[in-house]
PDB file of all heavy atoms in Angstrom:
ATOM      1  N   PRO A   1      -8.356  -1.164   3.388  1.00  0.00           N
ATOM      2  CA  PRO A   1      -7.306  -1.516   4.344  1.00  0.00           C
ATOM      3  C   PRO A   1      -6.316  -0.358   4.547  1.00  0.00           C
ATOM      4  O   PRO A   1      -5.993   0.348   3.586  1.00  0.00           O
ATOM      5  CB  PRO A   1      -6.634  -2.702   3.683  1.00  0.00           C
ATOM      6  CG  PRO A   1      -7.607  -3.278   2.744  1.00  0.00           C
ATOM      7  CD  PRO A   1      -8.440  -2.102   2.301  1.00  0.00           C
ATOM      8  N   TYR A   2      -5.880  -0.223   5.745  1.00  0.00           N
ATOM      9  CA  TYR A   2      -4.922   0.824   6.127  1.00  0.00           C
ATOM     10  C   TYR A   2      -3.609   0.147   6.456  1.00  0.00           C
ATOM     11  O   TYR A   2      -3.574  -0.782   7.299  1.00  0.00           O
ATOM     12  CB  TYR A   2      -5.448   1.571   7.392  1.00  0.00           C
ATOM     13  CG  TYR A   2      -4.488   2.521   7.972  1.00  0.00           C
ATOM     14  CD1 TYR A   2      -4.384   3.795   7.466  1.00  0.00           C
ATOM     15  CD2 TYR A   2      -3.713   2.166   9.058  1.00  0.00           C
ATOM     16  CE1 TYR A   2      -3.481   4.701   8.046  1.00  0.00           C
ATOM     17  CE2 TYR A   2      -2.834   3.045   9.646  1.00  0.00           C
ATOM     18  CZ  TYR A   2      -2.692   4.318   9.144  1.00  0.00           C
ATOM     19  OH  TYR A   2      -1.863   5.202   9.726  1.00  0.00           O
ATOM     20  N   ILE A   3      -2.507   0.482   5.789  1.00  0.00           N
ATOM     21  CA  ILE A   3      -1.249  -0.118   5.991  1.00  0.00           C
ATOM     22  C   ILE A   3      -0.183   0.904   6.298  1.00  0.00           C
ATOM     23  O   ILE A   3       0.213   1.699   5.479  1.00  0.00           O
ATOM     24  CB  ILE A   3      -0.807  -0.919   4.684  1.00  0.00           C
ATOM     25  CG1 ILE A   3      -1.866  -1.962   4.321  1.00  0.00           C
ATOM     26  CG2 ILE A   3       0.566  -1.506   4.895  1.00  0.00           C
ATOM     27  CD1 ILE A   3      -1.608  -2.654   3.041  1.00  0.00           C
ATOM     28  N   PRO A   4       0.314   0.907   7.568  1.00  0.00           N
ATOM     29  CA  PRO A   4       1.379   1.753   7.959  1.00  0.00           C
ATOM     30  C   PRO A   4       2.725   1.185   7.479  1.00  0.00           C
ATOM     31  O   PRO A   4       2.914   0.014   7.568  1.00  0.00           O
ATOM     32  CB  PRO A   4       1.338   1.793   9.436  1.00  0.00           C
ATOM     33  CG  PRO A   4       0.646   0.530   9.871  1.00  0.00           C
ATOM     34  CD  PRO A   4      -0.223   0.145   8.695  1.00  0.00           C
ATOM     35  N   LEU A   5       3.499   1.999   6.834  1.00  0.00           N
ATOM     36  CA  LEU A   5       4.817   1.563   6.312  1.00  0.00           C
ATOM     37  C   LEU A   5       5.905   2.135   7.194  1.00  0.00           C
ATOM     38  O   LEU A   5       5.908   3.334   7.491  1.00  0.00           O
ATOM     39  CB  LEU A   5       5.009   2.062   4.877  1.00  0.00           C
ATOM     40  CG  LEU A   5       3.998   1.622   3.859  1.00  0.00           C
ATOM     41  CD1 LEU A   5       4.273   2.275   2.510  1.00  0.00           C
ATOM     42  CD2 LEU A   5       4.125   0.097   3.687  1.00  0.00           C
ATOM     43  N   SER A   6       6.880   1.329   7.568  1.00  0.00           N
ATOM     44  CA  SER A   6       8.006   1.747   8.313  1.00  0.00           C
ATOM     45  C   SER A   6       9.279   1.627   7.498  1.00  0.00           C
ATOM     46  O   SER A   6      10.241   2.349   7.694  1.00  0.00           O
ATOM     47  CB  SER A   6       8.150   0.959   9.599  1.00  0.00           C
ATOM     48  OG  SER A   6       8.249  -0.404   9.297  1.00  0.00           O
ATOM     49  N   ASN A   7       9.274   0.726   6.513  1.00  0.00           N
ATOM     50  CA  ASN A   7      10.430   0.561   5.676  1.00  0.00           C
ATOM     51  C   ASN A   7       9.911   0.244   4.196  1.00  0.00           C
ATOM     52  O   ASN A   7       9.891  -0.896   3.788  1.00  0.00           O
ATOM     53  CB  ASN A   7      11.280  -0.630   6.167  1.00  0.00           C
ATOM     54  CG  ASN A   7      12.568  -0.804   5.402  1.00  0.00           C
ATOM     55  OD1 ASN A   7      12.769  -0.219   4.316  1.00  0.00           O
ATOM     56  ND2 ASN A   7      13.489  -1.525   5.985  1.00  0.00           N
ATOM     57  N   PRO A   8       9.513   1.266   3.483  1.00  0.00           N
ATOM     58  CA  PRO A   8       8.922   1.048   2.170  1.00  0.00           C
ATOM     59  C   PRO A   8       9.762   0.204   1.201  1.00  0.00           C
ATOM     60  O   PRO A   8       9.235  -0.525   0.403  1.00  0.00           O
ATOM     61  CB  PRO A   8       8.741   2.467   1.608  1.00  0.00           C
ATOM     62  CG  PRO A   8       8.842   3.353   2.798  1.00  0.00           C
ATOM     63  CD  PRO A   8       9.637   2.678   3.834  1.00  0.00           C
ATOM     64  N   GLU A   9      11.075   0.366   1.257  1.00  0.00           N
ATOM     65  CA  GLU A   9      11.925  -0.395   0.333  1.00  0.00           C
ATOM     66  C   GLU A   9      11.725  -1.882   0.490  1.00  0.00           C
ATOM     67  O   GLU A   9      11.708  -2.639  -0.523  1.00  0.00           O
ATOM     68  CB  GLU A   9      13.429  -0.050   0.598  1.00  0.00           C
ATOM     69  CG  GLU A   9      13.794   1.323   0.257  1.00  0.00           C
ATOM     70  CD  GLU A   9      13.473   2.365   1.375  1.00  0.00           C
ATOM     71  OE1 GLU A   9      13.217   1.887   2.561  1.00  0.00           O
ATOM     72  OE2 GLU A   9      13.479   3.556   1.130  1.00  0.00           O
ATOM     73  N   LYS A  10      11.501  -2.393   1.706  1.00  0.00           N
ATOM     74  CA  LYS A  10      11.296  -3.761   1.908  1.00  0.00           C
ATOM     75  C   LYS A  10       9.844  -4.167   1.871  1.00  0.00           C
ATOM     76  O   LYS A  10       9.474  -5.342   1.610  1.00  0.00           O
ATOM     77  CB  LYS A  10      11.844  -4.214   3.223  1.00  0.00           C
ATOM     78  CG  LYS A  10      13.366  -4.136   3.266  1.00  0.00           C
ATOM     79  CD  LYS A  10      13.918  -4.638   4.632  1.00  0.00           C
ATOM     80  CE  LYS A  10      15.410  -4.576   4.605  1.00  0.00           C
ATOM     81  NZ  LYS A  10      15.976  -5.013   5.865  1.00  0.00           N
ATOM     82  N   GLN A  11       8.941  -3.221   2.086  1.00  0.00           N
ATOM     83  CA  GLN A  11       7.504  -3.529   2.241  1.00  0.00           C
ATOM     84  C   GLN A  11       6.696  -3.372   0.936  1.00  0.00           C
ATOM     85  O   GLN A  11       5.614  -3.912   0.791  1.00  0.00           O
ATOM     86  CB  GLN A  11       6.860  -2.657   3.321  1.00  0.00           C
ATOM     87  CG  GLN A  11       7.371  -2.960   4.704  1.00  0.00           C
ATOM     88  CD  GLN A  11       6.913  -1.911   5.673  1.00  0.00           C
ATOM     89  OE1 GLN A  11       7.159  -0.735   5.527  1.00  0.00           O
ATOM     90  NE2 GLN A  11       6.187  -2.414   6.725  1.00  0.00           N
ATOM     91  N   MET A  12       7.179  -2.598  -0.004  1.00  0.00           N
ATOM     92  CA  MET A  12       6.345  -2.254  -1.187  1.00  0.00           C
ATOM     93  C   MET A  12       6.049  -3.410  -2.053  1.00  0.00           C
ATOM     94  O   MET A  12       4.888  -3.511  -2.534  1.00  0.00           O
ATOM     95  CB  MET A  12       7.012  -1.142  -1.991  1.00  0.00           C
ATOM     96  CG  MET A  12       6.816   0.261  -1.420  1.00  0.00           C
ATOM     97  SD  MET A  12       5.090   0.629  -0.920  1.00  0.00           S
ATOM     98  CE  MET A  12       4.272   0.638  -2.482  1.00  0.00           C
ATOM     99  N   GLU A  13       6.870  -4.368  -2.282  1.00  0.00           N
ATOM    100  CA  GLU A  13       6.573  -5.493  -3.113  1.00  0.00           C
ATOM    101  C   GLU A  13       5.431  -6.273  -2.567  1.00  0.00           C
ATOM    102  O   GLU A  13       4.424  -6.560  -3.267  1.00  0.00           O
ATOM    103  CB  GLU A  13       7.781  -6.389  -3.378  1.00  0.00           C
ATOM    104  CG  GLU A  13       7.381  -7.534  -4.367  1.00  0.00           C
ATOM    105  CD  GLU A  13       8.646  -8.328  -4.772  1.00  0.00           C
ATOM    106  OE1 GLU A  13       9.745  -7.977  -4.437  1.00  0.00           O
ATOM    107  OE2 GLU A  13       8.413  -9.334  -5.466  1.00  0.00           O
ATOM    108  N   PRO A  14       5.457  -6.690  -1.263  1.00  0.00           N
ATOM    109  CA  PRO A  14       4.263  -7.420  -0.706  1.00  0.00           C
ATOM    110  C   PRO A  14       3.022  -6.517  -0.675  1.00  0.00           C
ATOM    111  O   PRO A  14       1.939  -7.032  -0.906  1.00  0.00           O
ATOM    112  CB  PRO A  14       4.637  -7.780   0.705  1.00  0.00           C
ATOM    113  CG  PRO A  14       6.098  -7.469   0.837  1.00  0.00           C
ATOM    114  CD  PRO A  14       6.568  -6.660  -0.300  1.00  0.00           C
ATOM    115  N   VAL A  15       3.155  -5.218  -0.458  1.00  0.00           N
ATOM    116  CA  VAL A  15       1.991  -4.304  -0.402  1.00  0.00           C
ATOM    117  C   VAL A  15       1.429  -4.236  -1.879  1.00  0.00           C
ATOM    118  O   VAL A  15       0.146  -4.308  -2.017  1.00  0.00           O
ATOM    119  CB  VAL A  15       2.389  -2.923   0.076  1.00  0.00           C
ATOM    120  CG1 VAL A  15       1.289  -1.914  -0.184  1.00  0.00           C
ATOM    121  CG2 VAL A  15       2.709  -2.988   1.557  1.00  0.00           C
ATOM    122  N   LEU A  16       2.226  -4.141  -2.844  1.00  0.00           N
ATOM    123  CA  LEU A  16       1.704  -4.127  -4.264  1.00  0.00           C
ATOM    124  C   LEU A  16       0.990  -5.419  -4.643  1.00  0.00           C
ATOM    125  O   LEU A  16      -0.040  -5.398  -5.271  1.00  0.00           O
ATOM    126  CB  LEU A  16       2.875  -3.828  -5.274  1.00  0.00           C
ATOM    127  CG  LEU A  16       3.473  -2.423  -5.199  1.00  0.00           C
ATOM    128  CD1 LEU A  16       4.759  -2.380  -6.031  1.00  0.00           C
ATOM    129  CD2 LEU A  16       2.448  -1.407  -5.656  1.00  0.00           C
ATOM    130  N   ASN A  17       1.579  -6.547  -4.182  1.00  0.00           N
ATOM    131  CA  ASN A  17       0.957  -7.853  -4.457  1.00  0.00           C
ATOM    132  C   ASN A  17      -0.372  -7.895  -3.765  1.00  0.00           C
ATOM    133  O   ASN A  17      -1.414  -8.415  -4.334  1.00  0.00           O
ATOM    134  CB  ASN A  17       1.824  -8.942  -3.951  1.00  0.00           C
ATOM    135  CG  ASN A  17       3.093  -9.118  -4.836  1.00  0.00           C
ATOM    136  OD1 ASN A  17       3.134  -8.630  -5.974  1.00  0.00           O
ATOM    137  ND2 ASN A  17       4.090  -9.723  -4.265  1.00  0.00           N
ATOM    138  N   PHE A  18      -0.488  -7.418  -2.487  1.00  0.00           N
ATOM    139  CA  PHE A  18      -1.729  -7.454  -1.821  1.00  0.00           C
ATOM    140  C   PHE A  18      -2.754  -6.552  -2.463  1.00  0.00           C
ATOM    141  O   PHE A  18      -3.934  -6.897  -2.652  1.00  0.00           O
ATOM    142  CB  PHE A  18      -1.522  -7.036  -0.355  1.00  0.00           C
ATOM    143  CG  PHE A  18      -2.753  -6.952   0.448  1.00  0.00           C
ATOM    144  CD1 PHE A  18      -3.509  -8.071   0.862  1.00  0.00           C
ATOM    145  CD2 PHE A  18      -3.367  -5.701   0.733  1.00  0.00           C
ATOM    146  CE1 PHE A  18      -4.674  -7.987   1.541  1.00  0.00           C
ATOM    147  CE2 PHE A  18      -4.562  -5.615   1.503  1.00  0.00           C
ATOM    148  CZ  PHE A  18      -5.210  -6.755   1.867  1.00  0.00           C
ATOM    149  N   CYS A  19      -2.300  -5.377  -2.899  1.00  0.00           N
ATOM    150  CA  CYS A  19      -3.211  -4.427  -3.565  1.00  0.00           C
ATOM    151  C   CYS A  19      -3.832  -5.008  -4.805  1.00  0.00           C
ATOM    152  O   CYS A  19      -5.049  -4.921  -5.038  1.00  0.00           O
ATOM    153  CB  CYS A  19      -2.392  -3.175  -3.886  1.00  0.00           C
ATOM    154  SG  CYS A  19      -3.405  -1.855  -4.604  1.00  0.00           S
ATOM    155  N   GLU A  20      -2.970  -5.697  -5.564  1.00  0.00           N
ATOM    156  CA  GLU A  20      -3.513  -6.299  -6.830  1.00  0.00           C
ATOM    157  C   GLU A  20      -4.469  -7.437  -6.499  1.00  0.00           C
ATOM    158  O   GLU A  20      -5.502  -7.572  -7.137  1.00  0.00           O
ATOM    159  CB  GLU A  20      -2.271  -6.860  -7.610  1.00  0.00           C
ATOM    160  CG  GLU A  20      -2.650  -7.147  -9.049  1.00  0.00           C
ATOM    161  CD  GLU A  20      -3.110  -5.922  -9.857  1.00  0.00           C
ATOM    162  OE1 GLU A  20      -2.567  -4.837  -9.636  1.00  0.00           O
ATOM    163  OE2 GLU A  20      -3.990  -6.086 -10.745  1.00  0.00           O
ATOM    164  N   ALA A  21      -4.142  -8.271  -5.492  1.00  0.00           N
ATOM    165  CA  ALA A  21      -5.022  -9.374  -5.072  1.00  0.00           C
ATOM    166  C   ALA A  21      -6.343  -8.806  -4.473  1.00  0.00           C
ATOM    167  O   ALA A  21      -7.420  -9.343  -4.718  1.00  0.00           O
ATOM    168  CB  ALA A  21      -4.340 -10.291  -4.147  1.00  0.00           C
ATOM    169  N   TRP A  22      -6.254  -7.764  -3.698  1.00  0.00           N
ATOM    170  CA  TRP A  22      -7.412  -7.121  -3.040  1.00  0.00           C
ATOM    171  C   TRP A  22      -8.366  -6.625  -4.061  1.00  0.00           C
ATOM    172  O   TRP A  22      -9.588  -6.684  -3.979  1.00  0.00           O
ATOM    173  CB  TRP A  22      -6.914  -6.102  -2.063  1.00  0.00           C
ATOM    174  CG  TRP A  22      -7.997  -5.402  -1.339  1.00  0.00           C
ATOM    175  CD1 TRP A  22      -8.460  -4.119  -1.593  1.00  0.00           C
ATOM    176  CD2 TRP A  22      -8.751  -5.882  -0.197  1.00  0.00           C
ATOM    177  NE1 TRP A  22      -9.471  -3.834  -0.670  1.00  0.00           N
ATOM    178  CE2 TRP A  22      -9.658  -4.830   0.140  1.00  0.00           C
ATOM    179  CE3 TRP A  22      -8.741  -7.063   0.488  1.00  0.00           C
ATOM    180  CZ2 TRP A  22     -10.532  -4.996   1.236  1.00  0.00           C
ATOM    181  CZ3 TRP A  22      -9.650  -7.228   1.566  1.00  0.00           C
ATOM    182  CH2 TRP A  22     -10.545  -6.206   1.914  1.00  0.00           C
ATOM    183  N   GLY A  23      -7.841  -5.906  -5.092  1.00  0.00           N
ATOM    184  CA  GLY A  23      -8.593  -5.371  -6.207  1.00  0.00           C
ATOM    185  C   GLY A  23      -9.226  -4.062  -5.951  1.00  0.00           C
ATOM    186  O   GLY A  23      -9.945  -3.546  -6.821  1.00  0.00           O
ATOM    187  N   ASP A  24      -9.008  -3.450  -4.805  1.00  0.00           N
ATOM    188  CA  ASP A  24      -9.476  -2.096  -4.424  1.00  0.00           C
ATOM    189  C   ASP A  24      -8.307  -1.300  -3.846  1.00  0.00           C
ATOM    190  O   ASP A  24      -7.297  -1.884  -3.504  1.00  0.00           O
ATOM    191  CB  ASP A  24     -10.593  -2.242  -3.352  1.00  0.00           C
ATOM    192  CG  ASP A  24     -11.970  -2.451  -3.965  1.00  0.00           C
ATOM    193  OD1 ASP A  24     -12.094  -2.342  -5.181  1.00  0.00           O
ATOM    194  OD2 ASP A  24     -12.870  -2.735  -3.195  1.00  0.00           O
ATOM    195  N   PRO A  25      -8.554  -0.016  -3.699  1.00  0.00           N
ATOM    196  CA  PRO A  25      -7.449   0.827  -3.180  1.00  0.00           C
ATOM    197  C   PRO A  25      -7.055   0.459  -1.719  1.00  0.00           C
ATOM    198  O   PRO A  25      -7.921  -0.054  -0.996  1.00  0.00           O
ATOM    199  CB  PRO A  25      -8.101   2.251  -3.183  1.00  0.00           C
ATOM    200  CG  PRO A  25      -9.110   2.169  -4.266  1.00  0.00           C
ATOM    201  CD  PRO A  25      -9.669   0.787  -4.199  1.00  0.00           C
ATOM    202  N   LEU A  26      -5.857   0.742  -1.389  1.00  0.00           N
ATOM    203  CA  LEU A  26      -5.312   0.612  -0.038  1.00  0.00           C
ATOM    204  C   LEU A  26      -4.915   2.048   0.438  1.00  0.00           C
ATOM    205  O   LEU A  26      -4.525   2.858  -0.390  1.00  0.00           O
ATOM    206  CB  LEU A  26      -4.062  -0.207  -0.037  1.00  0.00           C
ATOM    207  CG  LEU A  26      -4.085  -1.615  -0.676  1.00  0.00           C
ATOM    208  CD1 LEU A  26      -2.718  -2.225  -0.551  1.00  0.00           C
ATOM    209  CD2 LEU A  26      -5.156  -2.455   0.076  1.00  0.00           C
ATOM    210  N   ILE A  27      -4.902   2.202   1.731  1.00  0.00           N
ATOM    211  CA  ILE A  27      -4.454   3.478   2.303  1.00  0.00           C
ATOM    212  C   ILE A  27      -3.095   3.171   2.910  1.00  0.00           C
ATOM    213  O   ILE A  27      -2.984   2.279   3.754  1.00  0.00           O
ATOM    214  CB  ILE A  27      -5.413   3.971   3.364  1.00  0.00           C
ATOM    215  CG1 ILE A  27      -6.778   4.211   2.692  1.00  0.00           C
ATOM    216  CG2 ILE A  27      -4.866   5.288   3.949  1.00  0.00           C
ATOM    217  CD1 ILE A  27      -7.895   4.310   3.642  1.00  0.00           C
ATOM    218  N   LEU A  28      -2.066   3.851   2.457  1.00  0.00           N
ATOM    219  CA  LEU A  28      -0.740   3.729   2.967  1.00  0.00           C
ATOM    220  C   LEU A  28      -0.440   4.914   3.870  1.00  0.00           C
ATOM    221  O   LEU A  28      -0.841   6.036   3.582  1.00  0.00           O
ATOM    222  CB  LEU A  28       0.327   3.649   1.856  1.00  0.00           C
ATOM    223  CG  LEU A  28       0.034   2.537   0.777  1.00  0.00           C
ATOM    224  CD1 LEU A  28       1.144   2.577  -0.260  1.00  0.00           C
ATOM    225  CD2 LEU A  28      -0.059   1.144   1.434  1.00  0.00           C
ATOM    226  N   ASP A  29       0.378   4.679   4.911  1.00  0.00           N
ATOM    227  CA  ASP A  29       0.784   5.759   5.809  1.00  0.00           C
ATOM    228  C   ASP A  29       2.296   5.608   5.999  1.00  0.00           C
ATOM    229  O   ASP A  29       2.765   4.598   6.490  1.00  0.00           O
ATOM    230  CB  ASP A  29       0.079   5.629   7.128  1.00  0.00           C
ATOM    231  CG  ASP A  29       0.352   6.827   8.029  1.00  0.00           C
ATOM    232  OD1 ASP A  29       1.267   7.585   7.815  1.00  0.00           O
ATOM    233  OD2 ASP A  29      -0.472   6.954   8.984  1.00  0.00           O
ATOM    234  N   TYR A  30       3.042   6.632   5.575  1.00  0.00           N
ATOM    235  CA  TYR A  30       4.467   6.621   5.750  1.00  0.00           C
ATOM    236  C   TYR A  30       4.870   8.023   6.228  1.00  0.00           C
ATOM    237  O   TYR A  30       4.552   9.026   5.601  1.00  0.00           O
ATOM    238  CB  TYR A  30       5.177   6.299   4.454  1.00  0.00           C
ATOM    239  CG  TYR A  30       6.654   6.327   4.575  1.00  0.00           C
ATOM    240  CD1 TYR A  30       7.334   5.445   5.399  1.00  0.00           C
ATOM    241  CD2 TYR A  30       7.438   7.177   3.835  1.00  0.00           C
ATOM    242  CE1 TYR A  30       8.710   5.462   5.505  1.00  0.00           C
ATOM    243  CE2 TYR A  30       8.812   7.207   3.914  1.00  0.00           C
ATOM    244  CZ  TYR A  30       9.449   6.357   4.784  1.00  0.00           C
ATOM    245  OH  TYR A  30      10.784   6.347   4.890  1.00  0.00           O
ATOM    246  N   ASN A  31       5.550   8.114   7.367  1.00  0.00           N
ATOM    247  CA  ASN A  31       6.013   9.370   7.934  1.00  0.00           C
ATOM    248  C   ASN A  31       4.794  10.282   8.129  1.00  0.00           C
ATOM    249  O   ASN A  31       4.880  11.511   7.794  1.00  0.00           O
ATOM    250  CB  ASN A  31       7.076  10.036   7.103  1.00  0.00           C
ATOM    251  CG  ASN A  31       8.400   9.380   7.217  1.00  0.00           C
ATOM    252  OD1 ASN A  31       8.637   8.687   8.225  1.00  0.00           O
ATOM    253  ND2 ASN A  31       9.260   9.583   6.291  1.00  0.00           N
ATOM    254  N   SER A  32       3.717   9.787   8.592  1.00  0.00           N
ATOM    255  CA  SER A  32       2.471  10.570   8.852  1.00  0.00           C
ATOM    256  C   SER A  32       1.864  11.132   7.615  1.00  0.00           C
ATOM    257  O   SER A  32       1.075  12.087   7.646  1.00  0.00           O
ATOM    258  CB  SER A  32       2.715  11.665   9.904  1.00  0.00           C
ATOM    259  OG  SER A  32       3.140  11.090  11.124  1.00  0.00           O
ATOM    260  N   ARG A  33       2.198  10.605   6.528  1.00  0.00           N
ATOM    261  CA  ARG A  33       1.636  11.049   5.215  1.00  0.00           C
ATOM    262  C   ARG A  33       0.801   9.903   4.624  1.00  0.00           C
ATOM    263  O   ARG A  33       1.283   8.828   4.402  1.00  0.00           O
ATOM    264  CB  ARG A  33       2.793  11.394   4.261  1.00  0.00           C
ATOM    265  CG  ARG A  33       2.329  12.029   3.014  1.00  0.00           C
ATOM    266  CD  ARG A  33       3.519  12.485   2.157  1.00  0.00           C
ATOM    267  NE  ARG A  33       2.997  13.129   0.989  1.00  0.00           N
ATOM    268  CZ  ARG A  33       3.759  13.552   0.057  1.00  0.00           C
ATOM    269  NH1 ARG A  33       5.060  13.365   0.111  1.00  0.00           N
ATOM    270  NH2 ARG A  33       3.239  14.146  -0.993  1.00  0.00           N
ATOM    271  N   LYS A  34      -0.418  10.179   4.417  1.00  0.00           N
ATOM    272  CA  LYS A  34      -1.350   9.137   3.892  1.00  0.00           C
ATOM    273  C   LYS A  34      -1.386   9.203   2.348  1.00  0.00           C
ATOM    274  O   LYS A  34      -1.431  10.296   1.798  1.00  0.00           O
ATOM    275  CB  LYS A  34      -2.711   9.325   4.485  1.00  0.00           C
ATOM    276  CG  LYS A  34      -2.706   8.969   5.963  1.00  0.00           C
ATOM    277  CD  LYS A  34      -4.056   8.980   6.514  1.00  0.00           C
ATOM    278  CE  LYS A  34      -4.046   8.655   8.028  1.00  0.00           C
ATOM    279  NZ  LYS A  34      -2.945   9.138   8.817  1.00  0.00           N
ATOM    280  N   MET A  35      -1.372   8.041   1.768  1.00  0.00           N
ATOM    281  CA  MET A  35      -1.412   7.908   0.317  1.00  0.00           C
ATOM    282  C   MET A  35      -2.419   6.801  -0.052  1.00  0.00           C
ATOM    283  O   MET A  35      -2.585   5.890   0.734  1.00  0.00           O
ATOM    284  CB  MET A  35      -0.012   7.563  -0.236  1.00  0.00           C
ATOM    285  CG  MET A  35       1.033   8.586   0.070  1.00  0.00           C
ATOM    286  SD  MET A  35       2.694   7.971  -0.106  1.00  0.00           S
ATOM    287  CE  MET A  35       3.016   7.435   1.566  1.00  0.00           C
ATOM    288  N   ILE A  36      -2.986   6.908  -1.236  1.00  0.00           N
ATOM    289  CA  ILE A  36      -3.830   5.909  -1.709  1.00  0.00           C
ATOM    290  C   ILE A  36      -3.170   5.214  -2.860  1.00  0.00           C
ATOM    291  O   ILE A  36      -2.627   5.748  -3.760  1.00  0.00           O
ATOM    292  CB  ILE A  36      -5.206   6.429  -2.223  1.00  0.00           C
ATOM    293  CG1 ILE A  36      -5.955   7.119  -0.993  1.00  0.00           C
ATOM    294  CG2 ILE A  36      -6.037   5.389  -2.886  1.00  0.00           C
ATOM    295  CD1 ILE A  36      -7.170   7.784  -1.368  1.00  0.00           C
ATOM    296  N   LEU A  37      -3.111   3.881  -2.751  1.00  0.00           N
ATOM    297  CA  LEU A  37      -2.556   2.979  -3.799  1.00  0.00           C
ATOM    298  C   LEU A  37      -3.703   2.174  -4.361  1.00  0.00           C
ATOM    299  O   LEU A  37      -4.442   1.564  -3.667  1.00  0.00           O
ATOM    300  CB  LEU A  37      -1.525   2.021  -3.132  1.00  0.00           C
ATOM    301  CG  LEU A  37      -0.846   1.012  -4.092  1.00  0.00           C
ATOM    302  CD1 LEU A  37      -0.027   1.739  -5.179  1.00  0.00           C
ATOM    303  CD2 LEU A  37      -0.021   0.054  -3.282  1.00  0.00           C
ATOM    304  N   MET A  38      -3.912   2.272  -5.681  1.00  0.00           N
ATOM    305  CA  MET A  38      -5.008   1.532  -6.298  1.00  0.00           C
ATOM    306  C   MET A  38      -4.491   0.691  -7.444  1.00  0.00           C
ATOM    307  O   MET A  38      -3.526   1.037  -8.133  1.00  0.00           O
ATOM    308  CB  MET A  38      -6.122   2.498  -6.780  1.00  0.00           C
ATOM    309  CG  MET A  38      -5.748   3.366  -7.978  1.00  0.00           C
ATOM    310  SD  MET A  38      -7.095   4.391  -8.488  1.00  0.00           S
ATOM    311  CE  MET A  38      -7.223   5.553  -7.076  1.00  0.00           C
ATOM    312  N   PRO A  39      -5.073  -0.488  -7.595  1.00  0.00           N
ATOM    313  CA  PRO A  39      -4.720  -1.324  -8.748  1.00  0.00           C
ATOM    314  C   PRO A  39      -5.070  -0.665 -10.011  1.00  0.00           C
ATOM    315  O   PRO A  39      -5.998   0.095 -10.148  1.00  0.00           O
ATOM    316  CB  PRO A  39      -5.604  -2.598  -8.539  1.00  0.00           C
ATOM    317  CG  PRO A  39      -6.161  -2.466  -7.158  1.00  0.00           C
ATOM    318  CD  PRO A  39      -6.137  -1.100  -6.736  1.00  0.00           C
ATOM    319  N   PHE A  40      -4.313  -1.021 -11.035  1.00  0.00           N
ATOM    320  CA  PHE A  40      -4.475  -0.437 -12.330  1.00  0.00           C
ATOM    321  C   PHE A  40      -5.941  -0.710 -12.920  1.00  0.00           C
ATOM    322  O   PHE A  40      -6.579   0.168 -13.458  1.00  0.00           O
ATOM    323  CB  PHE A  40      -3.403  -0.978 -13.321  1.00  0.00           C
ATOM    324  CG  PHE A  40      -3.380  -0.313 -14.623  1.00  0.00           C
ATOM    325  CD1 PHE A  40      -3.153   1.087 -14.734  1.00  0.00           C
ATOM    326  CD2 PHE A  40      -3.613  -0.994 -15.806  1.00  0.00           C
ATOM    327  CE1 PHE A  40      -3.149   1.728 -15.953  1.00  0.00           C
ATOM    328  CE2 PHE A  40      -3.601  -0.342 -17.048  1.00  0.00           C
ATOM    329  CZ  PHE A  40      -3.379   0.993 -17.109  1.00  0.00           C
ATOM    330  N   ALA A  41      -6.364  -1.938 -12.689  1.00  0.00           N
ATOM    331  CA  ALA A  41      -7.744  -2.301 -13.223  1.00  0.00           C
ATOM    332  C   ALA A  41      -8.820  -1.462 -12.552  1.00  0.00           C
ATOM    333  O   ALA A  41      -9.787  -1.045 -13.176  1.00  0.00           O
ATOM    334  CB  ALA A  41      -7.986  -3.790 -13.020  1.00  0.00           C
TER     335      ALA A  41
END
């Protein structure tokens, strides 16, 4: 999943919860910078 972020301070908690539930990495985009967020497991 690709998730564009416009307000990370408000969006990160739901994004982290989704990432953990999804169980696989997510692609985040903030200020045209792409990052990969992966669950610890």
